[in-house]
């Protein structure tokens, strides 16, 4: 958004108008208005995902279904590329223990 020296008084008017519109409605109301219910439902889903995933990766790996984890990583290509490039020894050791 152009604003500052060289953009004239219109830049300031545009900035003020943008903030007026941005904060004129309460948050969580959805946009557009006819999408309120699906947007609120999606937010609840994403809040749940965030609660599960915003933790250290090693914690997530230990708590995820271990059979699923093993089936996801038990491929020669994964092993070759991941373990060659891994920079976290704790995660590497844990995944190797799952594969054994």
PDB file of N, CA and C in Angstrom:
ATOM      1  N   UNK A   1       0.854  -1.155   0.000  1.00  0.00           N
ATOM      2  CA  UNK A   1       0.000   0.000   0.000  1.00  0.00           C
ATOM      3  C   UNK A   1       0.907   1.228   0.000  1.00  0.00           C
ATOM      4  N   UNK A   2       0.811   2.051  -1.010  1.00  0.00           N
ATOM      5  CA  UNK A   2       1.657   3.240  -1.073  1.00  0.00           C
ATOM      6  C   UNK A   2       1.306   4.217   0.042  1.00  0.00           C
ATOM      7  N   UNK A   3       2.296   4.553   0.831  1.00  0.00           N
ATOM      8  CA  UNK A   3       2.119   5.545   1.882  1.00  0.00           C
ATOM      9  C   UNK A   3       3.480   6.083   2.256  1.00  0.00           C
ATOM     10  N   UNK A   4       3.641   7.347   2.244  1.00  0.00           N
ATOM     11  CA  UNK A   4       4.841   8.026   2.694  1.00  0.00           C
ATOM     12  C   UNK A   4       5.169   9.142   1.715  1.00  0.00           C
ATOM     13  N   UNK A   5       6.367   9.599   1.784  1.00  0.00           N
ATOM     14  CA  UNK A   5       6.793  10.728   0.966  1.00  0.00           C
ATOM     15  C   UNK A   5       6.626  10.414  -0.516  1.00  0.00           C
ATOM     16  N   UNK A   6       6.060  11.365  -1.242  1.00  0.00           N
ATOM     17  CA  UNK A   6       5.894  11.208  -2.673  1.00  0.00           C
ATOM     18  C   UNK A   6       4.549  10.636  -3.085  1.00  0.00           C
ATOM     19  N   UNK A   7       3.712  10.233  -2.140  1.00  0.00           N
ATOM     20  CA  UNK A   7       2.416   9.684  -2.488  1.00  0.00           C
ATOM     21  C   UNK A   7       1.277  10.659  -2.201  1.00  0.00           C
ATOM     22  N   UNK A   8       1.575  11.816  -1.656  1.00  0.00           N
ATOM     23  CA  UNK A   8       0.568  12.852  -1.459  1.00  0.00           C
ATOM     24  C   UNK A   8      -0.410  12.533  -0.355  1.00  0.00           C
ATOM     25  N   UNK A   9      -1.411  13.413  -0.225  1.00  0.00           N
ATOM     26  CA  UNK A   9      -2.392  13.261   0.842  1.00  0.00           C
ATOM     27  C   UNK A   9      -3.284  12.039   0.617  1.00  0.00           C
ATOM     28  N   UNK A  10      -3.392  11.551  -0.594  1.00  0.00           N
ATOM     29  CA  UNK A  10      -4.236  10.397  -0.890  1.00  0.00           C
ATOM     30  C   UNK A  10      -3.776   9.135  -0.177  1.00  0.00           C
ATOM     31  N   UNK A  11      -2.467   9.004   0.014  1.00  0.00           N
ATOM     32  CA  UNK A  11      -1.952   7.834   0.720  1.00  0.00           C
ATOM     33  C   UNK A  11      -2.428   7.799   2.153  1.00  0.00           C
ATOM     34  N   UNK A  12      -2.442   8.947   2.805  1.00  0.00           N
ATOM     35  CA  UNK A  12      -2.900   9.026   4.197  1.00  0.00           C
ATOM     36  C   UNK A  12      -4.404   8.744   4.279  1.00  0.00           C
ATOM     37  N   UNK A  13      -5.173   9.293   3.355  1.00  0.00           N
ATOM     38  CA  UNK A  13      -6.617   9.056   3.329  1.00  0.00           C
ATOM     39  C   UNK A  13      -6.887   7.567   3.107  1.00  0.00           C
ATOM     40  N   UNK A  14      -6.178   6.951   2.179  1.00  0.00           N
ATOM     41  CA  UNK A  14      -6.335   5.532   1.896  1.00  0.00           C
ATOM     42  C   UNK A  14      -5.998   4.679   3.121  1.00  0.00           C
ATOM     43  N   UNK A  15      -4.921   5.028   3.812  1.00  0.00           N
ATOM     44  CA  UNK A  15      -4.527   4.284   5.011  1.00  0.00           C
ATOM     45  C   UNK A  15      -5.590   4.410   6.095  1.00  0.00           C
ATOM     46  N   UNK A  16      -6.088   5.616   6.337  1.00  0.00           N
ATOM     47  CA  UNK A  16      -7.142   5.815   7.344  1.00  0.00           C
ATOM     48  C   UNK A  16      -8.395   5.021   6.985  1.00  0.00           C
ATOM     49  N   UNK A  17      -8.794   5.065   5.726  1.00  0.00           N
ATOM     50  CA  UNK A  17      -9.978   4.343   5.273  1.00  0.00           C
ATOM     51  C   UNK A  17      -9.801   2.835   5.460  1.00  0.00           C
ATOM     52  N   UNK A  18      -8.627   2.334   5.147  1.00  0.00           N
ATOM     53  CA  UNK A  18      -8.350   0.902   5.294  1.00  0.00           C
ATOM     54  C   UNK A  18      -8.503   0.464   6.743  1.00  0.00           C
ATOM     55  N   UNK A  19      -7.927   1.244   7.670  1.00  0.00           N
ATOM     56  CA  UNK A  19      -8.030   0.876   9.087  1.00  0.00           C
ATOM     57  C   UNK A  19      -9.452   1.019   9.608  1.00  0.00           C
ATOM     58  N   UNK A  20     -10.186   2.005   9.126  1.00  0.00           N
ATOM     59  CA  UNK A  20     -11.594   2.148   9.516  1.00  0.00           C
ATOM     60  C   UNK A  20     -12.378   0.899   9.123  1.00  0.00           C
ATOM     61  N   UNK A  21     -12.211   0.444   7.896  1.00  0.00           N
ATOM     62  CA  UNK A  21     -12.933  -0.726   7.413  1.00  0.00           C
ATOM     63  C   UNK A  21     -12.461  -2.006   8.110  1.00  0.00           C
ATOM     64  N   UNK A  22     -11.163  -2.097   8.339  1.00  0.00           N
ATOM     65  CA  UNK A  22     -10.595  -3.290   8.950  1.00  0.00           C
ATOM     66  C   UNK A  22     -11.130  -3.519  10.356  1.00  0.00           C
ATOM     67  N   UNK A  23     -11.293  -2.446  11.124  1.00  0.00           N
ATOM     68  CA  UNK A  23     -11.694  -2.579  12.520  1.00  0.00           C
ATOM     69  C   UNK A  23     -13.131  -2.153  12.779  1.00  0.00           C
ATOM     70  N   UNK A  24     -13.952  -2.024  11.737  1.00  0.00           N
ATOM     71  CA  UNK A  24     -15.337  -1.587  11.932  1.00  0.00           C
ATOM     72  C   UNK A  24     -16.249  -2.730  12.374  1.00  0.00           C
ATOM     73  N   UNK A  25     -15.876  -3.946  12.111  1.00  0.00           N
ATOM     74  CA  UNK A  25     -16.683  -5.112  12.478  1.00  0.00           C
ATOM     75  C   UNK A  25     -15.957  -5.908  13.565  1.00  0.00           C
ATOM     76  N   UNK A  26     -16.688  -6.569  14.447  1.00  0.00           N
ATOM     77  CA  UNK A  26     -16.031  -7.412  15.455  1.00  0.00           C
ATOM     78  C   UNK A  26     -15.350  -8.612  14.794  1.00  0.00           C
ATOM     79  N   UNK A  27     -14.256  -9.060  15.378  1.00  0.00           N
ATOM     80  CA  UNK A  27     -13.537 -10.213  14.844  1.00  0.00           C
ATOM     81  C   UNK A  27     -14.378 -11.470  15.016  1.00  0.00           C
ATOM     82  N   UNK A  28     -14.188 -12.405  14.110  1.00  0.00           N
ATOM     83  CA  UNK A  28     -14.909 -13.671  14.157  1.00  0.00           C
ATOM     84  C   UNK A  28     -16.249 -13.621  13.466  1.00  0.00           C
ATOM     85  N   UNK A  29     -16.549 -12.512  12.808  1.00  0.00           N
ATOM     86  CA  UNK A  29     -17.833 -12.363  12.146  1.00  0.00           C
ATOM     87  C   UNK A  29     -17.876 -12.985  10.763  1.00  0.00           C
ATOM     88  N   UNK A  30     -16.742 -13.391  10.253  1.00  0.00           N
ATOM     89  CA  UNK A  30     -16.677 -14.009   8.937  1.00  0.00           C
ATOM     90  C   UNK A  30     -16.675 -13.003   7.816  1.00  0.00           C
ATOM     91  N   UNK A  31     -16.030 -13.371   6.748  1.00  0.00           N
ATOM     92  CA  UNK A  31     -16.050 -12.541   5.556  1.00  0.00           C
ATOM     93  C   UNK A  31     -16.052 -13.441   4.345  1.00  0.00           C
ATOM     94  N   UNK A  32     -16.943 -13.271   3.454  1.00  0.00           N
ATOM     95  CA  UNK A  32     -18.094 -12.367   3.518  1.00  0.00           C
ATOM     96  C   UNK A  32     -19.115 -12.861   4.534  1.00  0.00           C
ATOM     97  N   UNK A  33     -20.103 -12.044   4.798  1.00  0.00           N
ATOM     98  CA  UNK A  33     -21.057 -12.325   5.877  1.00  0.00           C
ATOM     99  C   UNK A  33     -21.736 -13.690   5.733  1.00  0.00           C
ATOM    100  N   UNK A  34     -21.998 -14.115   4.515  1.00  0.00           N
ATOM    101  CA  UNK A  34     -22.675 -15.401   4.333  1.00  0.00           C
ATOM    102  C   UNK A  34     -21.764 -16.596   4.621  1.00  0.00           C
ATOM    103  N   UNK A  35     -20.499 -16.345   4.923  1.00  0.00           N
ATOM    104  CA  UNK A  35     -19.546 -17.421   5.234  1.00  0.00           C
ATOM    105  C   UNK A  35     -19.225 -17.502   6.725  1.00  0.00           C
ATOM    106  N   UNK A  36     -20.038 -16.847   7.563  1.00  0.00           N
ATOM    107  CA  UNK A  36     -19.756 -16.800   9.001  1.00  0.00           C
ATOM    108  C   UNK A  36     -19.657 -18.195   9.603  1.00  0.00           C
ATOM    109  N   UNK A  37     -20.653 -19.029   9.389  1.00  0.00           N
ATOM    110  CA  UNK A  37     -20.687 -20.349  10.033  1.00  0.00           C
ATOM    111  C   UNK A  37     -19.546 -21.244   9.551  1.00  0.00           C
ATOM    112  N   UNK A  38     -19.304 -21.385   8.227  1.00  0.00           N
ATOM    113  CA  UNK A  38     -18.179 -22.227   7.807  1.00  0.00           C
ATOM    114  C   UNK A  38     -16.822 -21.692   8.282  1.00  0.00           C
ATOM    115  N   UNK A  39     -16.662 -20.382   8.296  1.00  0.00           N
ATOM    116  CA  UNK A  39     -15.387 -19.811   8.740  1.00  0.00           C
ATOM    117  C   UNK A  39     -15.157 -20.060  10.230  1.00  0.00           C
ATOM    118  N   UNK A  40     -16.197 -19.959  11.032  1.00  0.00           N
ATOM    119  CA  UNK A  40     -16.051 -20.228  12.468  1.00  0.00           C
ATOM    120  C   UNK A  40     -15.760 -21.707  12.711  1.00  0.00           C
ATOM    121  N   UNK A  41     -16.410 -22.581  11.929  1.00  0.00           N
ATOM    122  CA  UNK A  41     -16.144 -24.012  12.051  1.00  0.00           C
ATOM    123  C   UNK A  41     -14.690 -24.319  11.681  1.00  0.00           C
ATOM    124  N   UNK A  42     -14.208 -23.723  10.586  1.00  0.00           N
ATOM    125  CA  UNK A  42     -12.824 -23.937  10.158  1.00  0.00           C
ATOM    126  C   UNK A  42     -11.839 -23.424  11.198  1.00  0.00           C
ATOM    127  N   UNK A  43     -12.164 -22.301  11.831  1.00  0.00           N
ATOM    128  CA  UNK A  43     -11.271 -21.758  12.858  1.00  0.00           C
ATOM    129  C   UNK A  43     -11.152 -22.728  14.035  1.00  0.00           C
ATOM    130  N   UNK A  44     -12.269 -23.335  14.440  1.00  0.00           N
ATOM    131  CA  UNK A  44     -12.224 -24.307  15.542  1.00  0.00           C
ATOM    132  C   UNK A  44     -11.361 -25.508  15.170  1.00  0.00           C
ATOM    133  N   UNK A  45     -11.488 -25.971  13.932  1.00  0.00           N
ATOM    134  CA  UNK A  45     -10.670 -27.100  13.471  1.00  0.00           C
ATOM    135  C   UNK A  45      -9.196 -26.725  13.507  1.00  0.00           C
ATOM    136  N   UNK A  46      -8.869 -25.552  12.969  1.00  0.00           N
ATOM    137  CA  UNK A  46      -7.468 -25.129  12.933  1.00  0.00           C
ATOM    138  C   UNK A  46      -6.913 -24.851  14.320  1.00  0.00           C
ATOM    139  N   UNK A  47      -7.749 -24.370  15.239  1.00  0.00           N
ATOM    140  CA  UNK A  47      -7.298 -24.189  16.618  1.00  0.00           C
ATOM    141  C   UNK A  47      -6.943 -25.537  17.236  1.00  0.00           C
ATOM    142  N   UNK A  48      -7.722 -26.575  16.908  1.00  0.00           N
ATOM    143  CA  UNK A  48      -7.416 -27.921  17.397  1.00  0.00           C
ATOM    144  C   UNK A  48      -6.115 -28.451  16.830  1.00  0.00           C
ATOM    145  N   UNK A  49      -5.895 -28.218  15.541  1.00  0.00           N
ATOM    146  CA  UNK A  49      -4.643 -28.638  14.905  1.00  0.00           C
ATOM    147  C   UNK A  49      -3.467 -27.904  15.555  1.00  0.00           C
ATOM    148  N   UNK A  50      -3.635 -26.623  15.789  1.00  0.00           N
ATOM    149  CA  UNK A  50      -2.564 -25.829  16.408  1.00  0.00           C
ATOM    150  C   UNK A  50      -2.247 -26.351  17.805  1.00  0.00           C
ATOM    151  N   UNK A  51      -3.269 -26.692  18.572  1.00  0.00           N
ATOM    152  CA  UNK A  51      -3.043 -27.199  19.929  1.00  0.00           C
ATOM    153  C   UNK A  51      -2.231 -28.486  19.918  1.00  0.00           C
ATOM    154  N   UNK A  52      -2.430 -29.308  18.896  1.00  0.00           N
ATOM    155  CA  UNK A  52      -1.712 -30.579  18.810  1.00  0.00           C
ATOM    156  C   UNK A  52      -0.305 -30.391  18.268  1.00  0.00           C
ATOM    157  N   UNK A  53      -0.141 -29.495  17.301  1.00  0.00           N
ATOM    158  CA  UNK A  53       1.123 -29.426  16.572  1.00  0.00           C
ATOM    159  C   UNK A  53       2.105 -28.368  17.045  1.00  0.00           C
ATOM    160  N   UNK A  54       1.709 -27.442  17.855  1.00  0.00           N
ATOM    161  CA  UNK A  54       2.653 -26.426  18.313  1.00  0.00           C
ATOM    162  C   UNK A  54       3.386 -26.910  19.566  1.00  0.00           C
ATOM    163  N   UNK A  55       4.098 -27.983  19.355  1.00  0.00           N
ATOM    164  CA  UNK A  55       4.919 -28.596  20.391  1.00  0.00           C
ATOM    165  C   UNK A  55       6.195 -29.079  19.735  1.00  0.00           C
ATOM    166  N   UNK A  56       7.178 -29.452  20.502  1.00  0.00           N
ATOM    167  CA  UNK A  56       8.409 -29.966  19.891  1.00  0.00           C
ATOM    168  C   UNK A  56       8.125 -31.203  19.024  1.00  0.00           C
ATOM    169  N   UNK A  57       8.805 -31.307  17.897  1.00  0.00           N
ATOM    170  CA  UNK A  57       8.584 -32.403  16.958  1.00  0.00           C
ATOM    171  C   UNK A  57       8.803 -33.763  17.611  1.00  0.00           C
ATOM    172  N   UNK A  58       9.790 -33.882  18.458  1.00  0.00           N
ATOM    173  CA  UNK A  58      10.058 -35.175  19.092  1.00  0.00           C
ATOM    174  C   UNK A  58       8.872 -35.609  19.947  1.00  0.00           C
ATOM    175  N   UNK A  59       8.210 -34.661  20.584  1.00  0.00           N
ATOM    176  CA  UNK A  59       7.022 -34.969  21.390  1.00  0.00           C
ATOM    177  C   UNK A  59       5.894 -35.466  20.509  1.00  0.00           C
ATOM    178  N   UNK A  60       5.690 -34.800  19.381  1.00  0.00           N
ATOM    179  CA  UNK A  60       4.644 -35.205  18.440  1.00  0.00           C
ATOM    180  C   UNK A  60       4.934 -36.610  17.914  1.00  0.00           C
ATOM    181  N   UNK A  61       6.181 -36.864  17.538  1.00  0.00           N
ATOM    182  CA  UNK A  61       6.545 -38.183  17.008  1.00  0.00           C
ATOM    183  C   UNK A  61       6.300 -39.286  18.026  1.00  0.00           C
ATOM    184  N   UNK A  62       6.538 -39.007  19.285  1.00  0.00           N
ATOM    185  CA  UNK A  62       6.345 -40.026  20.322  1.00  0.00           C
ATOM    186  C   UNK A  62       4.869 -40.264  20.632  1.00  0.00           C
ATOM    187  N   UNK A  63       4.025 -39.257  20.388  1.00  0.00           N
ATOM    188  CA  UNK A  63       2.609 -39.388  20.732  1.00  0.00           C
ATOM    189  C   UNK A  63       1.735 -39.835  19.559  1.00  0.00           C
ATOM    190  N   UNK A  64       2.244 -39.712  18.344  1.00  0.00           N
ATOM    191  CA  UNK A  64       1.462 -40.118  17.177  1.00  0.00           C
ATOM    192  C   UNK A  64       1.363 -41.637  17.143  1.00  0.00           C
ATOM    193  N   UNK A  65       0.355 -42.158  16.485  1.00  0.00           N
ATOM    194  CA  UNK A  65       0.193 -43.608  16.347  1.00  0.00           C
ATOM    195  C   UNK A  65       1.476 -44.194  15.758  1.00  0.00           C
ATOM    196  N   UNK A  66       2.108 -45.085  16.481  1.00  0.00           N
ATOM    197  CA  UNK A  66       3.426 -45.595  16.105  1.00  0.00           C
ATOM    198  C   UNK A  66       3.391 -46.480  14.857  1.00  0.00           C
ATOM    199  N   UNK A  67       2.312 -47.218  14.671  1.00  0.00           N
ATOM    200  CA  UNK A  67       2.193 -48.021  13.447  1.00  0.00           C
ATOM    201  C   UNK A  67       2.070 -47.114  12.224  1.00  0.00           C
ATOM    202  N   UNK A  68       1.292 -46.042  12.365  1.00  0.00           N
ATOM    203  CA  UNK A  68       1.147 -45.074  11.280  1.00  0.00           C
ATOM    204  C   UNK A  68       2.491 -44.423  10.973  1.00  0.00           C
ATOM    205  N   UNK A  69       3.214 -44.026  12.009  1.00  0.00           N
ATOM    206  CA  UNK A  69       4.518 -43.390  11.827  1.00  0.00           C
ATOM    207  C   UNK A  69       5.470 -44.323  11.101  1.00  0.00           C
ATOM    208  N   UNK A  70       5.505 -45.572  11.543  1.00  0.00           N
ATOM    209  CA  UNK A  70       6.404 -46.530  10.892  1.00  0.00           C
ATOM    210  C   UNK A  70       6.048 -46.713   9.427  1.00  0.00           C
ATOM    211  N   UNK A  71       4.753 -46.816   9.131  1.00  0.00           N
ATOM    212  CA  UNK A  71       4.355 -47.002   7.731  1.00  0.00           C
ATOM    213  C   UNK A  71       4.677 -45.772   6.891  1.00  0.00           C
ATOM    214  N   UNK A  72       4.709 -44.598   7.514  1.00  0.00           N
ATOM    215  CA  UNK A  72       5.006 -43.370   6.773  1.00  0.00           C
ATOM    216  C   UNK A  72       6.493 -43.217   6.461  1.00  0.00           C
ATOM    217  N   UNK A  73       7.355 -43.779   7.292  1.00  0.00           N
ATOM    218  CA  UNK A  73       8.798 -43.557   7.105  1.00  0.00           C
ATOM    219  C   UNK A  73       9.561 -44.790   6.631  1.00  0.00           C
ATOM    220  N   UNK A  74       8.905 -45.935   6.559  1.00  0.00           N
ATOM    221  CA  UNK A  74       9.600 -47.182   6.223  1.00  0.00           C
ATOM    222  C   UNK A  74       9.734 -47.361   4.707  1.00  0.00           C
ATOM    223  N   UNK A  75      10.472 -46.456   4.099  1.00  0.00           N
ATOM    224  CA  UNK A  75      10.766 -46.491   2.672  1.00  0.00           C
ATOM    225  C   UNK A  75      12.253 -46.259   2.477  1.00  0.00           C
ATOM    226  N   UNK A  76      12.880 -46.995   1.583  1.00  0.00           N
ATOM    227  CA  UNK A  76      14.321 -46.818   1.366  1.00  0.00           C
ATOM    228  C   UNK A  76      14.707 -45.377   1.025  1.00  0.00           C
ATOM    229  N   UNK A  77      13.881 -44.711   0.203  1.00  0.00           N
ATOM    230  CA  UNK A  77      14.207 -43.335  -0.187  1.00  0.00           C
ATOM    231  C   UNK A  77      14.157 -42.389   1.019  1.00  0.00           C
ATOM    232  N   UNK A  78      13.152 -42.592   1.886  1.00  0.00           N
ATOM    233  CA  UNK A  78      13.074 -41.752   3.079  1.00  0.00           C
ATOM    234  C   UNK A  78      14.307 -41.943   3.944  1.00  0.00           C
ATOM    235  N   UNK A  79      14.632 -43.183   4.201  1.00  0.00           N
ATOM    236  CA  UNK A  79      15.782 -43.478   5.053  1.00  0.00           C
ATOM    237  C   UNK A  79      17.061 -42.885   4.471  1.00  0.00           C
ATOM    238  N   UNK A  80      17.256 -43.054   3.190  1.00  0.00           N
ATOM    239  CA  UNK A  80      18.464 -42.551   2.534  1.00  0.00           C
ATOM    240  C   UNK A  80      18.583 -41.029   2.670  1.00  0.00           C
ATOM    241  N   UNK A  81      17.522 -40.327   2.310  1.00  0.00           N
ATOM    242  CA  UNK A  81      17.591 -38.865   2.287  1.00  0.00           C
ATOM    243  C   UNK A  81      17.480 -38.246   3.677  1.00  0.00           C
ATOM    244  N   UNK A  82      16.568 -38.769   4.497  1.00  0.00           N
ATOM    245  CA  UNK A  82      16.366 -38.168   5.816  1.00  0.00           C
ATOM    246  C   UNK A  82      17.596 -38.317   6.702  1.00  0.00           C
ATOM    247  N   UNK A  83      18.074 -39.523   6.853  1.00  0.00           N
ATOM    248  CA  UNK A  83      19.175 -39.752   7.781  1.00  0.00           C
ATOM    249  C   UNK A  83      20.476 -39.115   7.300  1.00  0.00           C
ATOM    250  N   UNK A  84      20.640 -38.968   6.004  1.00  0.00           N
ATOM    251  CA  UNK A  84      21.835 -38.294   5.477  1.00  0.00           C
ATOM    252  C   UNK A  84      21.806 -36.797   5.765  1.00  0.00           C
ATOM    253  N   UNK A  85      20.609 -36.206   5.804  1.00  0.00           N
ATOM    254  CA  UNK A  85      20.501 -34.756   5.959  1.00  0.00           C
ATOM    255  C   UNK A  85      20.047 -34.325   7.347  1.00  0.00           C
ATOM    256  N   UNK A  86      19.658 -35.255   8.203  1.00  0.00           N
ATOM    257  CA  UNK A  86      19.124 -34.905   9.520  1.00  0.00           C
ATOM    258  C   UNK A  86      20.141 -34.126  10.349  1.00  0.00           C
ATOM    259  N   UNK A  87      19.639 -33.097  10.997  1.00  0.00           N
ATOM    260  CA  UNK A  87      20.501 -32.278  11.861  1.00  0.00           C
ATOM    261  C   UNK A  87      20.112 -32.412  13.329  1.00  0.00           C
ATOM    262  N   UNK A  88      19.135 -33.260  13.610  1.00  0.00           N
ATOM    263  CA  UNK A  88      18.679 -33.456  14.988  1.00  0.00           C
ATOM    264  C   UNK A  88      18.891 -34.920  15.361  1.00  0.00           C
ATOM    265  N   UNK A  89      19.903 -35.167  16.147  1.00  0.00           N
ATOM    266  CA  UNK A  89      20.280 -36.543  16.489  1.00  0.00           C
ATOM    267  C   UNK A  89      19.202 -37.250  17.285  1.00  0.00           C
ATOM    268  N   UNK A  90      18.495 -36.515  18.151  1.00  0.00           N
ATOM    269  CA  UNK A  90      17.447 -37.137  18.960  1.00  0.00           C
ATOM    270  C   UNK A  90      16.314 -37.663  18.072  1.00  0.00           C
ATOM    271  N   UNK A  91      15.907 -36.871  17.095  1.00  0.00           N
ATOM    272  CA  UNK A  91      14.851 -37.307  16.171  1.00  0.00           C
ATOM    273  C   UNK A  91      15.336 -38.481  15.324  1.00  0.00           C
ATOM    274  N   UNK A  92      16.563 -38.395  14.826  1.00  0.00           N
ATOM    275  CA  UNK A  92      17.120 -39.494  14.029  1.00  0.00           C
ATOM    276  C   UNK A  92      17.156 -40.789  14.824  1.00  0.00           C
ATOM    277  N   UNK A  93      17.639 -40.700  16.050  1.00  0.00           N
ATOM    278  CA  UNK A  93      17.718 -41.899  16.895  1.00  0.00           C
ATOM    279  C   UNK A  93      16.336 -42.471  17.162  1.00  0.00           C
ATOM    280  N   UNK A  94      15.372 -41.607  17.411  1.00  0.00           N
ATOM    281  CA  UNK A  94      14.015 -42.082  17.688  1.00  0.00           C
ATOM    282  C   UNK A  94      13.420 -42.776  16.468  1.00  0.00           C
ATOM    283  N   UNK A  95      13.568 -42.165  15.296  1.00  0.00           N
ATOM    284  CA  UNK A  95      13.005 -42.772  14.089  1.00  0.00           C
ATOM    285  C   UNK A  95      13.708 -44.094  13.757  1.00  0.00           C
ATOM    286  N   UNK A  96      15.000 -44.177  14.000  1.00  0.00           N
ATOM    287  CA  UNK A  96      15.703 -45.446  13.791  1.00  0.00           C
ATOM    288  C   UNK A  96      15.166 -46.519  14.718  1.00  0.00           C
ATOM    289  N   UNK A  97      14.839 -46.142  15.967  1.00  0.00           N
ATOM    290  CA  UNK A  97      14.301 -47.113  16.911  1.00  0.00           C
ATOM    291  C   UNK A  97      12.917 -47.599  16.482  1.00  0.00           C
ATOM    292  N   UNK A  98      12.151 -46.749  15.816  1.00  0.00           N
ATOM    293  CA  UNK A  98      10.833 -47.149  15.305  1.00  0.00           C
ATOM    294  C   UNK A  98      11.001 -48.159  14.173  1.00  0.00           C
ATOM    295  N   UNK A  99      12.020 -47.958  13.355  1.00  0.00           N
ATOM    296  CA  UNK A  99      12.235 -48.817  12.199  1.00  0.00           C
ATOM    297  C   UNK A  99      12.833 -50.176  12.560  1.00  0.00           C
ATOM    298  N   UNK A 100      13.436 -50.280  13.733  1.00  0.00           N
ATOM    299  CA  UNK A 100      14.065 -51.547  14.147  1.00  0.00           C
ATOM    300  C   UNK A 100      13.055 -52.576  14.577  1.00  0.00           C
TER     301      UNK A 100
END
